[in-house]
PDB file of N, CA and C in Angstrom:
ATOM      1  N   MET A   1      53.509   0.451 -13.126  1.00  0.00           N
ATOM      2  CA  MET A   1      54.478   0.698 -14.180  1.00  0.00           C
ATOM      3  C   MET A   1      53.760   0.461 -15.557  1.00  0.00           C
ATOM      4  N   LYS A   2      54.049   1.398 -16.412  1.00  0.00           N
ATOM      5  CA  LYS A   2      53.372   1.370 -17.814  1.00  0.00           C
ATOM      6  C   LYS A   2      54.072   0.284 -18.594  1.00  0.00           C
ATOM      7  N   LYS A   3      53.318  -0.421 -19.439  1.00  0.00           N
ATOM      8  CA  LYS A   3      53.817  -1.573 -20.238  1.00  0.00           C
ATOM      9  C   LYS A   3      53.850  -1.183 -21.736  1.00  0.00           C
ATOM     10  N   ILE A   4      54.991  -1.406 -22.358  1.00  0.00           N
ATOM     11  CA  ILE A   4      55.133  -1.200 -23.844  1.00  0.00           C
ATOM     12  C   ILE A   4      55.466  -2.475 -24.537  1.00  0.00           C
ATOM     13  N   LEU A   5      54.756  -2.750 -25.678  1.00  0.00           N
ATOM     14  CA  LEU A   5      55.154  -3.895 -26.554  1.00  0.00           C
ATOM     15  C   LEU A   5      55.909  -3.310 -27.733  1.00  0.00           C
ATOM     16  N   VAL A   6      57.130  -3.809 -27.940  1.00  0.00           N
ATOM     17  CA  VAL A   6      57.892  -3.443 -29.073  1.00  0.00           C
ATOM     18  C   VAL A   6      57.885  -4.534 -30.142  1.00  0.00           C
ATOM     19  N   VAL A   7      57.397  -4.234 -31.330  1.00  0.00           N
ATOM     20  CA  VAL A   7      57.318  -5.249 -32.400  1.00  0.00           C
ATOM     21  C   VAL A   7      58.157  -4.887 -33.598  1.00  0.00           C
ATOM     22  N   ASP A   8      59.149  -5.680 -33.832  1.00  0.00           N
ATOM     23  CA  ASP A   8      60.010  -5.373 -35.057  1.00  0.00           C
ATOM     24  C   ASP A   8      60.848  -6.638 -35.341  1.00  0.00           C
ATOM     25  N   ASP A   9      61.054  -6.865 -36.585  1.00  0.00           N
ATOM     26  CA  ASP A   9      61.742  -8.144 -36.953  1.00  0.00           C
ATOM     27  C   ASP A   9      63.286  -7.826 -36.818  1.00  0.00           C
ATOM     28  N   GLU A  10      63.740  -6.633 -36.634  1.00  0.00           N
ATOM     29  CA  GLU A  10      65.144  -6.330 -36.495  1.00  0.00           C
ATOM     30  C   GLU A  10      65.476  -6.231 -35.029  1.00  0.00           C
ATOM     31  N   GLU A  11      66.328  -7.180 -34.502  1.00  0.00           N
ATOM     32  CA  GLU A  11      66.720  -7.156 -33.109  1.00  0.00           C
ATOM     33  C   GLU A  11      67.307  -5.996 -32.611  1.00  0.00           C
ATOM     34  N   LYS A  12      68.177  -5.300 -33.441  1.00  0.00           N
ATOM     35  CA  LYS A  12      68.891  -4.103 -33.010  1.00  0.00           C
ATOM     36  C   LYS A  12      67.939  -2.970 -32.700  1.00  0.00           C
ATOM     37  N   ILE A  13      66.912  -2.843 -33.568  1.00  0.00           N
ATOM     38  CA  ILE A  13      65.871  -1.860 -33.360  1.00  0.00           C
ATOM     39  C   ILE A  13      65.167  -1.963 -32.063  1.00  0.00           C
ATOM     40  N   ARG A  14      64.797  -3.292 -31.754  1.00  0.00           N
ATOM     41  CA  ARG A  14      64.050  -3.645 -30.505  1.00  0.00           C
ATOM     42  C   ARG A  14      64.914  -3.402 -29.352  1.00  0.00           C
ATOM     43  N   LEU A  15      66.233  -3.691 -29.473  1.00  0.00           N
ATOM     44  CA  LEU A  15      67.181  -3.409 -28.374  1.00  0.00           C
ATOM     45  C   LEU A  15      67.311  -1.966 -28.041  1.00  0.00           C
ATOM     46  N   ILE A  16      67.442  -1.093 -29.043  1.00  0.00           N
ATOM     47  CA  ILE A  16      67.557   0.366 -28.828  1.00  0.00           C
ATOM     48  C   ILE A  16      66.337   0.918 -28.141  1.00  0.00           C
ATOM     49  N   ILE A  17      65.116   0.610 -28.681  1.00  0.00           N
ATOM     50  CA  ILE A  17      63.878   0.990 -28.102  1.00  0.00           C
ATOM     51  C   ILE A  17      63.745   0.579 -26.686  1.00  0.00           C
ATOM     52  N   LYS A  18      64.080  -0.688 -26.431  1.00  0.00           N
ATOM     53  CA  LYS A  18      64.013  -1.284 -25.110  1.00  0.00           C
ATOM     54  C   LYS A  18      64.859  -0.589 -24.081  1.00  0.00           C
ATOM     55  N   LYS A  19      66.117  -0.390 -24.521  1.00  0.00           N
ATOM     56  CA  LYS A  19      67.150   0.307 -23.661  1.00  0.00           C
ATOM     57  C   LYS A  19      66.662   1.720 -23.120  1.00  0.00           C
ATOM     58  N   TYR A  20      66.212   2.469 -24.130  1.00  0.00           N
ATOM     59  CA  TYR A  20      65.706   3.820 -23.695  1.00  0.00           C
ATOM     60  C   TYR A  20      64.423   3.809 -22.893  1.00  0.00           C
ATOM     61  N   ALA A  21      63.524   2.957 -23.238  1.00  0.00           N
ATOM     62  CA  ALA A  21      62.236   2.804 -22.526  1.00  0.00           C
ATOM     63  C   ALA A  21      62.424   2.346 -21.125  1.00  0.00           C
ATOM     64  N   GLU A  22      63.217   1.317 -20.896  1.00  0.00           N
ATOM     65  CA  GLU A  22      63.582   0.814 -19.562  1.00  0.00           C
ATOM     66  C   GLU A  22      64.263   1.813 -18.740  1.00  0.00           C
ATOM     67  N   PHE A  23      65.093   2.617 -19.311  1.00  0.00           N
ATOM     68  CA  PHE A  23      65.772   3.703 -18.605  1.00  0.00           C
ATOM     69  C   PHE A  23      64.780   4.723 -18.064  1.00  0.00           C
ATOM     70  N   GLU A  24      63.727   4.861 -18.838  1.00  0.00           N
ATOM     71  CA  GLU A  24      62.669   5.849 -18.435  1.00  0.00           C
ATOM     72  C   GLU A  24      61.613   5.167 -17.494  1.00  0.00           C
ATOM     73  N   GLY A  25      61.825   3.947 -17.110  1.00  0.00           N
ATOM     74  CA  GLY A  25      61.009   3.235 -16.179  1.00  0.00           C
ATOM     75  C   GLY A  25      59.865   2.435 -16.770  1.00  0.00           C
ATOM     76  N   TYR A  26      59.852   2.167 -18.038  1.00  0.00           N
ATOM     77  CA  TYR A  26      58.758   1.290 -18.605  1.00  0.00           C
ATOM     78  C   TYR A  26      59.083  -0.170 -18.620  1.00  0.00           C
ATOM     79  N   ALA A  27      58.026  -1.027 -18.437  1.00  0.00           N
ATOM     80  CA  ALA A  27      58.190  -2.476 -18.642  1.00  0.00           C
ATOM     81  C   ALA A  27      58.143  -2.749 -20.049  1.00  0.00           C
ATOM     82  N   ILE A  28      59.017  -3.465 -20.629  1.00  0.00           N
ATOM     83  CA  ILE A  28      58.982  -3.798 -22.094  1.00  0.00           C
ATOM     84  C   ILE A  28      58.804  -5.245 -22.353  1.00  0.00           C
ATOM     85  N   SER A  29      58.000  -5.572 -23.373  1.00  0.00           N
ATOM     86  CA  SER A  29      57.850  -6.920 -23.880  1.00  0.00           C
ATOM     87  C   SER A  29      58.254  -6.722 -25.379  1.00  0.00           C
ATOM     88  N   GLU A  30      58.645  -7.876 -25.993  1.00  0.00           N
ATOM     89  CA  GLU A  30      59.048  -7.856 -27.281  1.00  0.00           C
ATOM     90  C   GLU A  30      58.461  -8.873 -28.169  1.00  0.00           C
ATOM     91  N   ALA A  31      58.221  -8.529 -29.393  1.00  0.00           N
ATOM     92  CA  ALA A  31      57.706  -9.540 -30.449  1.00  0.00           C
ATOM     93  C   ALA A  31      58.497  -9.358 -31.758  1.00  0.00           C
ATOM     94  N   THR A  32      58.831 -10.519 -32.398  1.00  0.00           N
ATOM     95  CA  THR A  32      59.586 -10.409 -33.564  1.00  0.00           C
ATOM     96  C   THR A  32      58.761 -10.242 -34.896  1.00  0.00           C
ATOM     97  N   ASP A  33      57.438 -10.410 -34.889  1.00  0.00           N
ATOM     98  CA  ASP A  33      56.609 -10.325 -36.074  1.00  0.00           C
ATOM     99  C   ASP A  33      55.106 -10.050 -35.626  1.00  0.00           C
ATOM    100  N   GLY A  34      54.281  -9.761 -36.586  1.00  0.00           N
ATOM    101  CA  GLY A  34      52.960  -9.435 -36.225  1.00  0.00           C
ATOM    102  C   GLY A  34      52.107 -10.549 -35.582  1.00  0.00           C
ATOM    103  N   MET A  35      52.281 -11.767 -36.132  1.00  0.00           N
ATOM    104  CA  MET A  35      51.669 -12.892 -35.497  1.00  0.00           C
ATOM    105  C   MET A  35      51.982 -12.983 -34.043  1.00  0.00           C
ATOM    106  N   GLU A  36      53.245 -12.870 -33.605  1.00  0.00           N
ATOM    107  CA  GLU A  36      53.628 -13.037 -32.252  1.00  0.00           C
ATOM    108  C   GLU A  36      53.031 -11.898 -31.450  1.00  0.00           C
ATOM    109  N   ALA A  37      52.996 -10.634 -32.068  1.00  0.00           N
ATOM    110  CA  ALA A  37      52.382  -9.499 -31.330  1.00  0.00           C
ATOM    111  C   ALA A  37      50.896  -9.659 -30.981  1.00  0.00           C
ATOM    112  N   VAL A  38      50.200 -10.301 -31.964  1.00  0.00           N
ATOM    113  CA  VAL A  38      48.776 -10.557 -31.774  1.00  0.00           C
ATOM    114  C   VAL A  38      48.657 -11.667 -30.624  1.00  0.00           C
ATOM    115  N   GLU A  39      49.405 -12.661 -30.647  1.00  0.00           N
ATOM    116  CA  GLU A  39      49.369 -13.714 -29.571  1.00  0.00           C
ATOM    117  C   GLU A  39      49.700 -13.107 -28.285  1.00  0.00           C
ATOM    118  N   ILE A  40      50.652 -12.197 -28.171  1.00  0.00           N
ATOM    119  CA  ILE A  40      51.025 -11.595 -26.894  1.00  0.00           C
ATOM    120  C   ILE A  40      49.889 -10.656 -26.429  1.00  0.00           C
ATOM    121  N   CYS A  41      49.317  -9.975 -27.294  1.00  0.00           N
ATOM    122  CA  CYS A  41      48.241  -9.051 -26.915  1.00  0.00           C
ATOM    123  C   CYS A  41      46.982  -9.700 -26.508  1.00  0.00           C
ATOM    124  N   ASN A  42      46.770 -11.029 -27.004  1.00  0.00           N
ATOM    125  CA  ASN A  42      45.743 -11.845 -26.499  1.00  0.00           C
ATOM    126  C   ASN A  42      45.837 -12.174 -25.081  1.00  0.00           C
ATOM    127  N   ARG A  43      47.032 -12.260 -24.522  1.00  0.00           N
ATOM    128  CA  ARG A  43      47.352 -12.576 -23.147  1.00  0.00           C
ATOM    129  C   ARG A  43      47.474 -11.489 -22.187  1.00  0.00           C
ATOM    130  N   GLU A  44      48.022 -10.286 -22.776  1.00  0.00           N
ATOM    131  CA  GLU A  44      48.409  -9.226 -21.897  1.00  0.00           C
ATOM    132  C   GLU A  44      47.818  -7.880 -22.433  1.00  0.00           C
ATOM    133  N   ASP A  45      47.660  -6.849 -21.539  1.00  0.00           N
ATOM    134  CA  ASP A  45      47.272  -5.497 -22.053  1.00  0.00           C
ATOM    135  C   ASP A  45      48.589  -4.722 -22.081  1.00  0.00           C
ATOM    136  N   PHE A  46      48.619  -3.682 -22.874  1.00  0.00           N
ATOM    137  CA  PHE A  46      49.723  -2.757 -23.049  1.00  0.00           C
ATOM    138  C   PHE A  46      49.163  -1.284 -23.066  1.00  0.00           C
ATOM    139  N   ASP A  47      50.034  -0.421 -22.542  1.00  0.00           N
ATOM    140  CA  ASP A  47      49.649   0.969 -22.613  1.00  0.00           C
ATOM    141  C   ASP A  47      50.138   1.590 -23.877  1.00  0.00           C
ATOM    142  N   LEU A  48      51.125   0.973 -24.542  1.00  0.00           N
ATOM    143  CA  LEU A  48      51.593   1.387 -25.869  1.00  0.00           C
ATOM    144  C   LEU A  48      52.134   0.273 -26.696  1.00  0.00           C
ATOM    145  N   ILE A  49      51.906   0.304 -27.969  1.00  0.00           N
ATOM    146  CA  ILE A  49      52.596  -0.773 -28.889  1.00  0.00           C
ATOM    147  C   ILE A  49      53.347   0.066 -29.859  1.00  0.00           C
ATOM    148  N   ILE A  50      54.621  -0.146 -29.986  1.00  0.00           N
ATOM    149  CA  ILE A  50      55.499   0.395 -30.991  1.00  0.00           C
ATOM    150  C   ILE A  50      55.735  -0.689 -31.991  1.00  0.00           C
ATOM    151  N   MET A  51      55.184  -0.543 -33.272  1.00  0.00           N
ATOM    152  CA  MET A  51      55.238  -1.651 -34.191  1.00  0.00           C
ATOM    153  C   MET A  51      55.813  -1.229 -35.632  1.00  0.00           C
ATOM    154  N   ASP A  52      56.703  -2.003 -36.184  1.00  0.00           N
ATOM    155  CA  ASP A  52      57.107  -1.882 -37.490  1.00  0.00           C
ATOM    156  C   ASP A  52      56.072  -2.138 -38.474  1.00  0.00           C
ATOM    157  N   VAL A  53      56.010  -1.513 -39.587  1.00  0.00           N
ATOM    158  CA  VAL A  53      54.954  -1.812 -40.592  1.00  0.00           C
ATOM    159  C   VAL A  53      55.349  -3.038 -41.479  1.00  0.00           C
ATOM    160  N   MET A  54      56.580  -3.074 -41.849  1.00  0.00           N
ATOM    161  CA  MET A  54      57.007  -4.182 -42.838  1.00  0.00           C
ATOM    162  C   MET A  54      57.742  -5.232 -42.036  1.00  0.00           C
ATOM    163  N   MET A  55      56.986  -6.349 -41.855  1.00  0.00           N
ATOM    164  CA  MET A  55      57.550  -7.535 -41.136  1.00  0.00           C
ATOM    165  C   MET A  55      57.171  -8.753 -41.804  1.00  0.00           C
ATOM    166  N   PRO A  56      57.823  -9.934 -41.534  1.00  0.00           N
ATOM    167  CA  PRO A  56      57.410 -11.165 -42.161  1.00  0.00           C
ATOM    168  C   PRO A  56      56.164 -11.784 -41.346  1.00  0.00           C
ATOM    169  N   GLU A  57      55.495 -12.684 -41.953  1.00  0.00           N
ATOM    170  CA  GLU A  57      54.400 -13.368 -41.361  1.00  0.00           C
ATOM    171  C   GLU A  57      53.139 -12.496 -41.439  1.00  0.00           C
ATOM    172  N   LEU A  58      53.125 -11.428 -40.754  1.00  0.00           N
ATOM    173  CA  LEU A  58      51.948 -10.513 -40.642  1.00  0.00           C
ATOM    174  C   LEU A  58      52.401  -9.077 -40.498  1.00  0.00           C
ATOM    175  N   ASP A  59      52.158  -8.234 -41.547  1.00  0.00           N
ATOM    176  CA  ASP A  59      52.596  -6.872 -41.382  1.00  0.00           C
ATOM    177  C   ASP A  59      51.967  -6.006 -40.328  1.00  0.00           C
ATOM    178  N   GLY A  60      52.562  -4.883 -39.953  1.00  0.00           N
ATOM    179  CA  GLY A  60      52.137  -4.062 -38.895  1.00  0.00           C
ATOM    180  C   GLY A  60      50.664  -3.608 -39.048  1.00  0.00           C
ATOM    181  N   PHE A  61      50.269  -3.239 -40.163  1.00  0.00           N
ATOM    182  CA  PHE A  61      48.834  -2.840 -40.470  1.00  0.00           C
ATOM    183  C   PHE A  61      47.823  -3.951 -40.156  1.00  0.00           C
ATOM    184  N   SER A  62      48.123  -5.172 -40.712  1.00  0.00           N
ATOM    185  CA  SER A  62      47.279  -6.267 -40.427  1.00  0.00           C
ATOM    186  C   SER A  62      47.229  -6.754 -38.947  1.00  0.00           C
ATOM    187  N   ALA A  63      48.436  -6.603 -38.315  1.00  0.00           N
ATOM    188  CA  ALA A  63      48.509  -7.014 -36.848  1.00  0.00           C
ATOM    189  C   ALA A  63      47.713  -6.044 -36.045  1.00  0.00           C
ATOM    190  N   CYS A  64      47.719  -4.722 -36.386  1.00  0.00           N
ATOM    191  CA  CYS A  64      46.913  -3.694 -35.691  1.00  0.00           C
ATOM    192  C   CYS A  64      45.450  -4.033 -35.801  1.00  0.00           C
ATOM    193  N   LYS A  65      45.001  -4.383 -36.966  1.00  0.00           N
ATOM    194  CA  LYS A  65      43.594  -4.773 -37.200  1.00  0.00           C
ATOM    195  C   LYS A  65      43.202  -5.915 -36.316  1.00  0.00           C
ATOM    196  N   GLU A  66      44.012  -6.980 -36.251  1.00  0.00           N
ATOM    197  CA  GLU A  66      43.811  -8.161 -35.411  1.00  0.00           C
ATOM    198  C   GLU A  66      43.826  -7.840 -33.942  1.00  0.00           C
ATOM    199  N   ILE A  67      44.666  -7.047 -33.447  1.00  0.00           N
ATOM    200  CA  ILE A  67      44.770  -6.656 -32.074  1.00  0.00           C
ATOM    201  C   ILE A  67      43.502  -5.875 -31.695  1.00  0.00           C
ATOM    202  N   ARG A  68      43.035  -4.981 -32.547  1.00  0.00           N
ATOM    203  CA  ARG A  68      41.876  -4.163 -32.299  1.00  0.00           C
ATOM    204  C   ARG A  68      40.537  -4.939 -32.152  1.00  0.00           C
ATOM    205  N   LYS A  69      40.522  -6.214 -32.797  1.00  0.00           N
ATOM    206  CA  LYS A  69      39.233  -6.966 -32.809  1.00  0.00           C
ATOM    207  C   LYS A  69      38.813  -7.299 -31.418  1.00  0.00           C
TER     208      LYS A  69
END
């Protein structure tokens, strides 16, 4: 099963993406900000990350840089 990480500080956005992705057969993990996304990516591998750009703690661009390291 393909794994997707959904990163957004808005719960409703994460819920919508999760609902549709699970319906299509994907396993979904969620993070509420960039720092949490980096921590999760250090523990797990994902096939796709859907990330908001403007978030508290660590924005999406900076989180992408950290994840790629």
